[in-house]
Amino acid sequence: MSAPTPLSSQPYVGRFAPTPSGYLHFGSLVAALASYLDARAVAGRWLLRMEDLDPPREMPGAQQAILQTLERYGFEWDGPVVRQSERLDTYNRVIERLLERGLAYPCHCSRKKLQGHAGVYPGFCRNAGLPLEGAAIRLRVPERVYAFSDRVQGEFRQQLGREVGDFVIRRRDGLIAYQLAVVLDDAWQGITDVVRGADLLDSTPRQLYLQEVLGLPQPRYLHVPLIIQPDGHKLGKSYRSPPLAADQAGPLLLRALRALGQQPAAELAGAAPGEVLAWGIAHWDAARIPHSLTLAEAQLR
C-alpha cells in the first residue's frame, strides 16, 4: 500500500493539543507559539484540542486553567475546543475494524515479562490467538522503514519492526493510546500541518504507518526543539516546571520568540501580548528555528 499524498495543496489548518495533566509552562508556550504563528502567518486556521485520554493523570481544573492561560497570552483559536474524551466510541470502532482485518491483536504481556527488551516489543502474543478480555491491543507493524522530511529537523527514518515492534493502541485498562487518537483526530479535523515538540519526533513513523493502514492523509510536520533544564530533563509537569504567570505574558512571549530563533524588535519590550503576537505573525520565519532537538533553558535570554 502506498503512502497517502501529503496535504500540500489545501488551506493551512494547524492545532495545539495540550494534555491537562498540569498547567502550561514555558516549554508548552514555545510549542503553542510556534504552531500559532506558523498557522496565522499564512492566514490559516488554528484549532485547540484537549488530549484528555488518561483521567487518572488529569489534574483537576487543568483544562480550564489552560484555556484561561492561552486567552491571557493573547491566543485565539478557531471553532470549539475538541476533547478526546468525547470521541472514545470513534477510537474503539476503529480498533474493532483493525482487529477484524487481522492488523491488531490482543496482548496479555505484563511489564515484568517485557523487561530486558529495550522498549521493542518482541512479539510474544502476536500469533497466540489470545482472548480480548483483559488484554491490551497491539498493532502489527511491518519490517519496513518509514521516513519523512521534518521542516526543522530534516530527514527522519525509523525501521518500525526493529526499532519499535508492534505497539499498543489500547491499554489493558481500556484507555486509548496517544498514537491512535492523534492520527484519527488530525485527519478528522483536517489538520494539514503538525507543529509540536521534538520529543514526539520518533512517534511520527508510527503515525505515518497508522495513516497508511487507515487510508488517511499525511500532514506536514515541524518539530521544535525541547526546552530542557540543567539536569537534562525537558520542561514538563512531572518535573515541577513553573506554570506560566499571567502578569508575565508579554516578556515570556518575547522569550519564546527568541527561543524559536525569531528576532523581536527592541521596542516590543513592555508590549501587550496582542502586540507581540501581531509582530510574530508579520515576521514569522520557520527557517530561523534552531535545527536542534533541545535548547537549554538557562541559555535563553
Protein backbone atom coordinates (compact mmCIF):
# COMPACT_ATOMS: atom_id res chain seq x y z
CA MET A 1 0.00 0.00 0.00
CA SER A 2 1.44 3.38 -0.99
CA ALA A 3 1.67 6.25 1.49
CA PRO A 4 -1.08 8.89 1.35
CA THR A 5 -0.36 12.11 -0.52
CA PRO A 6 0.69 14.97 1.79
CA LEU A 7 -1.84 17.76 2.32
CA SER A 8 0.26 20.29 0.41
CA SER A 9 -2.42 21.95 -1.70
CA GLN A 10 -5.10 22.58 0.95
CA PRO A 11 -5.53 25.71 3.10
CA TYR A 12 -3.41 25.54 6.24
CA VAL A 13 -5.05 24.06 9.34
CA GLY A 14 -2.89 23.74 12.46
CA ARG A 15 -3.58 22.84 16.07
CA PHE A 16 -2.31 22.92 19.63
CA ALA A 17 -3.11 19.83 21.68
CA PRO A 18 -2.14 20.09 25.36
CA THR A 19 -2.54 17.28 27.89
CA PRO A 20 -4.39 18.51 31.02
CA SER A 21 -2.13 16.71 33.49
CA GLY A 22 -0.91 20.08 34.72
CA TYR A 23 -0.61 23.77 33.90
CA LEU A 24 1.07 25.23 30.84
CA HIS A 25 4.78 26.03 31.33
CA PHE A 26 7.41 27.76 29.22
CA GLY A 27 8.05 24.67 27.10
CA SER A 28 4.31 24.49 26.36
CA LEU A 29 4.37 28.17 25.39
CA VAL A 30 7.17 27.64 22.87
CA ALA A 31 5.23 24.81 21.18
CA ALA A 32 1.94 26.73 21.24
CA LEU A 33 3.54 29.88 19.87
CA ALA A 34 5.28 28.02 17.03
CA SER A 35 2.06 26.32 15.95
CA TYR A 36 0.05 29.54 16.27
CA LEU A 37 2.44 31.72 14.28
CA ASP A 38 3.01 29.07 11.62
CA ALA A 39 -0.76 28.98 11.01
CA ARG A 40 -1.58 32.68 11.32
CA ALA A 41 1.37 33.81 9.17
CA VAL A 42 -0.36 32.21 6.16
CA ALA A 43 -3.89 33.18 7.28
CA GLY A 44 -4.50 29.59 8.34
CA ARG A 45 -6.84 28.18 10.96
CA TRP A 46 -5.58 27.23 14.45
CA LEU A 47 -7.55 24.66 16.42
CA LEU A 48 -7.38 23.68 20.07
CA ARG A 49 -7.70 20.07 21.23
CA MET A 50 -7.54 18.69 24.77
CA GLU A 51 -5.77 15.33 24.80
CA ASP A 52 -7.58 14.14 27.93
CA LEU A 53 -7.35 10.38 27.38
CA ASP A 54 -5.89 9.49 30.78
CA PRO A 55 -8.29 10.55 33.58
CA PRO A 56 -6.07 9.22 36.43
CA ARG A 57 -3.29 11.60 35.35
CA GLU A 58 -5.52 14.64 34.73
CA MET A 59 -5.14 17.46 37.24
CA PRO A 60 -8.48 18.83 38.48
CA GLY A 61 -9.07 22.26 36.97
CA ALA A 62 -6.19 21.97 34.49
CA GLN A 63 -8.37 22.21 31.39
CA GLN A 64 -9.91 25.49 32.46
CA ALA A 65 -6.53 26.81 33.59
CA ILE A 66 -5.01 26.00 30.19
CA LEU A 67 -7.78 27.84 28.36
CA GLN A 68 -7.50 30.86 30.64
CA THR A 69 -3.73 31.00 30.23
CA LEU A 70 -3.95 30.85 26.44
CA GLU A 71 -6.50 33.67 26.46
CA ARG A 72 -4.38 35.82 28.78
CA TYR A 73 -1.42 35.30 26.47
CA GLY A 74 -3.45 36.54 23.51
CA PHE A 75 -4.06 33.27 21.67
CA GLU A 76 -7.31 33.00 19.71
CA TRP A 77 -8.45 29.63 18.38
CA ASP A 78 -10.95 28.77 15.67
CA GLY A 79 -14.07 26.78 16.46
CA PRO A 80 -14.92 24.91 19.65
CA VAL A 81 -12.36 23.10 21.79
CA VAL A 82 -12.28 19.38 20.92
CA ARG A 83 -11.87 16.91 23.78
CA GLN A 84 -10.60 13.44 23.03
CA SER A 85 -12.61 12.05 25.94
CA GLU A 86 -15.72 12.76 23.86
CA ARG A 87 -14.52 10.64 20.94
CA LEU A 88 -13.91 7.28 22.63
CA ASP A 89 -16.59 5.49 20.58
CA THR A 90 -14.82 6.53 17.37
CA TYR A 91 -11.47 5.22 18.56
CA ASN A 92 -12.95 1.91 19.70
CA ARG A 93 -14.81 1.39 16.42
CA VAL A 94 -11.54 1.80 14.52
CA ILE A 95 -9.83 -0.68 16.84
CA GLU A 96 -12.61 -3.21 16.19
CA ARG A 97 -12.06 -2.84 12.44
CA LEU A 98 -8.30 -3.31 12.84
CA LEU A 99 -8.93 -6.49 14.86
CA GLU A 100 -11.32 -7.79 12.21
CA ARG A 101 -8.73 -7.14 9.49
CA GLY A 102 -6.06 -9.01 11.46
CA LEU A 103 -3.96 -5.87 11.72
CA ALA A 104 -4.26 -5.78 15.51
CA TYR A 105 -4.34 -8.45 18.21
CA PRO A 106 -4.81 -8.92 21.97
CA CYS A 107 -1.71 -8.86 24.16
CA HIS A 108 -1.56 -10.14 27.74
CA CYS A 109 2.11 -9.38 28.38
CA SER A 110 2.92 -7.82 31.74
CA ARG A 111 5.55 -5.15 32.23
CA LYS A 112 7.68 -7.68 34.06
CA LYS A 113 7.59 -10.05 31.07
CA LEU A 114 8.74 -7.26 28.77
CA GLN A 115 11.70 -6.20 30.90
CA GLY A 116 15.04 -6.50 29.13
CA HIS A 117 13.72 -5.93 25.61
CA ALA A 118 14.92 -2.31 25.25
CA GLY A 119 11.44 -0.99 24.61
CA VAL A 120 10.96 -3.05 21.43
CA TYR A 121 8.04 -5.47 21.66
CA PRO A 122 9.33 -9.00 20.95
CA GLY A 123 6.02 -10.32 19.60
CA PHE A 124 5.14 -12.82 22.36
CA CYS A 125 1.38 -12.54 21.73
CA ARG A 126 1.49 -11.80 18.01
CA ASN A 127 0.21 -15.17 16.82
CA ALA A 128 -1.07 -16.58 20.09
CA GLY A 129 -4.79 -16.12 19.42
CA LEU A 130 -5.45 -14.92 22.97
CA PRO A 131 -8.85 -13.68 24.25
CA LEU A 132 -9.74 -9.99 24.16
CA GLU A 133 -10.89 -9.83 27.76
CA GLY A 134 -8.33 -8.05 29.95
CA ALA A 135 -5.90 -7.60 27.06
CA ALA A 136 -4.09 -4.65 25.59
CA ILE A 137 -4.48 -4.26 21.82
CA ARG A 138 -1.34 -4.04 19.70
CA LEU A 139 -1.00 -3.02 16.06
CA ARG A 140 1.10 -5.28 13.85
CA VAL A 141 3.95 -3.35 12.24
CA PRO A 142 5.87 -4.30 9.09
CA GLU A 143 9.60 -4.75 8.77
CA ARG A 144 9.81 -1.51 6.83
CA VAL A 145 11.48 1.85 7.09
CA TYR A 146 9.16 4.84 7.48
CA ALA A 147 10.71 8.21 6.73
CA PHE A 148 9.62 11.80 6.43
CA SER A 149 11.20 15.22 6.00
CA ASP A 150 10.64 17.43 9.02
CA ARG A 151 10.58 21.14 8.25
CA VAL A 152 13.12 21.84 11.03
CA GLN A 153 14.80 18.58 11.99
CA GLY A 154 15.29 17.32 8.43
CA GLU A 155 15.08 13.68 7.32
CA PHE A 156 13.99 11.20 9.99
CA ARG A 157 13.87 7.44 9.43
CA GLN A 158 12.77 4.52 11.56
CA GLN A 159 12.60 0.78 10.94
CA LEU A 160 9.37 0.02 12.75
CA GLY A 161 9.86 -3.70 13.23
CA ARG A 162 13.39 -3.45 14.63
CA GLU A 163 13.15 -0.14 16.49
CA VAL A 164 9.61 -0.21 17.87
CA GLY A 165 7.84 -3.51 17.29
CA ASP A 166 4.07 -3.96 17.48
CA PHE A 167 2.79 -1.07 19.57
CA VAL A 168 -0.19 -0.61 21.88
CA ILE A 169 -3.24 1.24 20.56
CA ARG A 170 -5.49 0.44 23.56
CA ARG A 171 -4.19 -0.31 27.03
CA ARG A 172 -5.31 -3.19 29.24
CA ASP A 173 -7.35 -0.76 31.33
CA GLY A 174 -9.27 0.30 28.22
CA LEU A 175 -7.57 3.69 27.80
CA ILE A 176 -6.86 4.66 24.20
CA ALA A 177 -3.21 5.17 23.27
CA TYR A 178 -1.97 8.55 22.06
CA GLN A 179 -0.68 7.22 18.73
CA LEU A 180 -4.09 6.11 17.51
CA ALA A 181 -6.09 9.05 18.85
CA VAL A 182 -3.79 11.72 17.44
CA VAL A 183 -3.86 10.21 13.95
CA LEU A 184 -7.64 9.90 13.90
CA ASP A 185 -8.19 13.39 15.31
CA ASP A 186 -5.74 15.11 12.99
CA ALA A 187 -7.48 13.55 10.00
CA TRP A 188 -10.98 14.28 11.33
CA GLN A 189 -10.10 17.92 11.97
CA GLY A 190 -8.42 18.32 8.59
CA ILE A 191 -5.02 19.17 10.07
CA THR A 192 -2.54 19.95 7.28
CA ASP A 193 0.43 20.88 9.49
CA VAL A 194 1.51 19.39 12.81
CA VAL A 195 3.81 21.69 14.81
CA ARG A 196 4.91 20.21 18.14
CA GLY A 197 7.88 19.43 20.39
CA ALA A 198 10.82 17.30 19.27
CA ASP A 199 10.04 14.72 21.97
CA LEU A 200 7.39 13.42 19.55
CA LEU A 201 9.72 13.16 16.57
CA ASP A 202 10.23 9.42 16.97
CA SER A 203 6.47 8.87 17.34
CA THR A 204 5.89 10.16 13.82
CA PRO A 205 6.83 6.96 11.89
CA ARG A 206 4.20 5.05 13.91
CA GLN A 207 1.69 7.70 12.97
CA LEU A 208 2.72 7.50 9.31
CA TYR A 209 2.06 3.78 9.41
CA LEU A 210 -1.35 4.28 11.01
CA GLN A 211 -2.21 6.86 8.34
CA GLU A 212 -1.26 4.33 5.69
CA VAL A 213 -3.24 1.48 7.25
CA LEU A 214 -6.34 3.65 7.74
CA GLY A 215 -6.10 5.43 4.38
CA LEU A 216 -5.71 8.87 5.98
CA PRO A 217 -3.81 11.88 4.58
CA GLN A 218 -0.33 12.72 5.81
CA PRO A 219 0.21 16.20 7.26
CA ARG A 220 3.44 18.13 7.09
CA TYR A 221 5.50 18.02 10.29
CA LEU A 222 7.58 20.58 12.16
CA HIS A 223 9.19 19.59 15.46
CA VAL A 224 10.55 22.46 17.55
CA PRO A 225 13.45 21.99 19.98
CA LEU A 226 12.58 20.99 23.53
CA ILE A 227 13.45 23.40 26.30
CA ILE A 228 15.48 21.44 28.84
CA GLN A 229 16.53 22.02 32.44
CA PRO A 230 20.13 21.86 33.73
CA ASP A 231 19.71 18.17 34.63
CA GLY A 232 18.76 17.39 31.03
CA HIS A 233 15.06 16.84 31.67
CA LYS A 234 12.61 18.66 29.43
CA LEU A 235 10.42 21.31 30.97
CA GLY A 236 7.28 19.48 31.97
CA LYS A 237 4.59 18.94 34.54
CA SER A 238 6.33 15.93 36.06
CA TYR A 239 9.47 17.98 36.83
CA ARG A 240 7.70 20.83 38.65
CA SER A 241 8.24 23.36 35.87
CA PRO A 242 6.66 26.64 36.99
CA PRO A 243 3.28 27.49 35.41
CA LEU A 244 3.04 30.48 33.11
CA ALA A 245 2.38 33.65 35.10
CA ALA A 246 -0.48 35.81 33.85
CA ASP A 247 1.41 39.03 34.54
CA GLN A 248 4.44 37.90 32.53
CA ALA A 249 2.66 37.23 29.23
CA GLY A 250 4.49 39.87 27.18
CA PRO A 251 8.03 39.12 28.41
CA LEU A 252 7.55 35.34 28.18
CA LEU A 253 6.14 35.59 24.65
CA LEU A 254 9.22 37.59 23.65
CA ARG A 255 11.45 35.00 25.28
CA ALA A 256 9.61 32.22 23.43
CA LEU A 257 10.06 34.09 20.14
CA ARG A 258 13.81 34.27 20.76
CA ALA A 259 13.88 30.55 21.66
CA LEU A 260 12.33 29.93 18.23
CA GLY A 261 15.09 31.88 16.53
CA GLN A 262 12.97 34.93 15.79
CA GLN A 263 14.37 38.39 16.45
CA PRO A 264 11.66 40.55 18.03
CA ALA A 265 12.12 44.30 17.78
CA ALA A 266 13.58 46.03 20.84
CA GLU A 267 10.57 48.37 21.05
CA LEU A 268 8.38 45.39 21.91
CA ALA A 269 9.79 45.38 25.44
CA GLY A 270 6.81 46.09 27.66
CA ALA A 271 4.32 45.46 24.84
CA ALA A 272 0.97 43.76 25.44
CA PRO A 273 0.56 40.10 24.38
CA GLY A 274 -1.55 41.05 21.37
CA GLU A 275 1.16 43.36 20.07
CA VAL A 276 3.84 40.70 20.48
CA LEU A 277 1.72 38.11 18.65
CA ALA A 278 0.92 40.56 15.85
CA TRP A 279 4.64 41.21 15.38
CA GLY A 280 5.30 37.46 15.44
CA ILE A 281 2.68 36.78 12.77
CA ALA A 282 4.01 39.53 10.49
CA HIS A 283 7.65 38.43 10.83
CA TRP A 284 7.40 34.64 11.31
CA ASP A 285 10.19 32.70 9.62
CA ALA A 286 10.21 28.97 10.41
CA ALA A 287 13.63 28.68 8.74
CA ARG A 288 15.09 30.56 11.74
CA ILE A 289 14.05 27.88 14.25
CA PRO A 290 17.20 26.24 15.65
CA HIS A 291 17.88 22.91 13.94
CA SER A 292 18.40 21.04 17.19
CA LEU A 293 16.40 18.66 19.34
CA THR A 294 16.92 20.60 22.58
CA LEU A 295 17.67 24.05 23.90
CA ALA A 296 18.95 24.70 27.41
CA GLU A 297 16.58 26.99 29.28
CA ALA A 298 19.48 28.59 31.14
CA GLN A 299 20.96 29.83 27.86
CA LEU A 300 17.77 31.55 26.69
CA ARG A 301 17.60 35.31 27.04
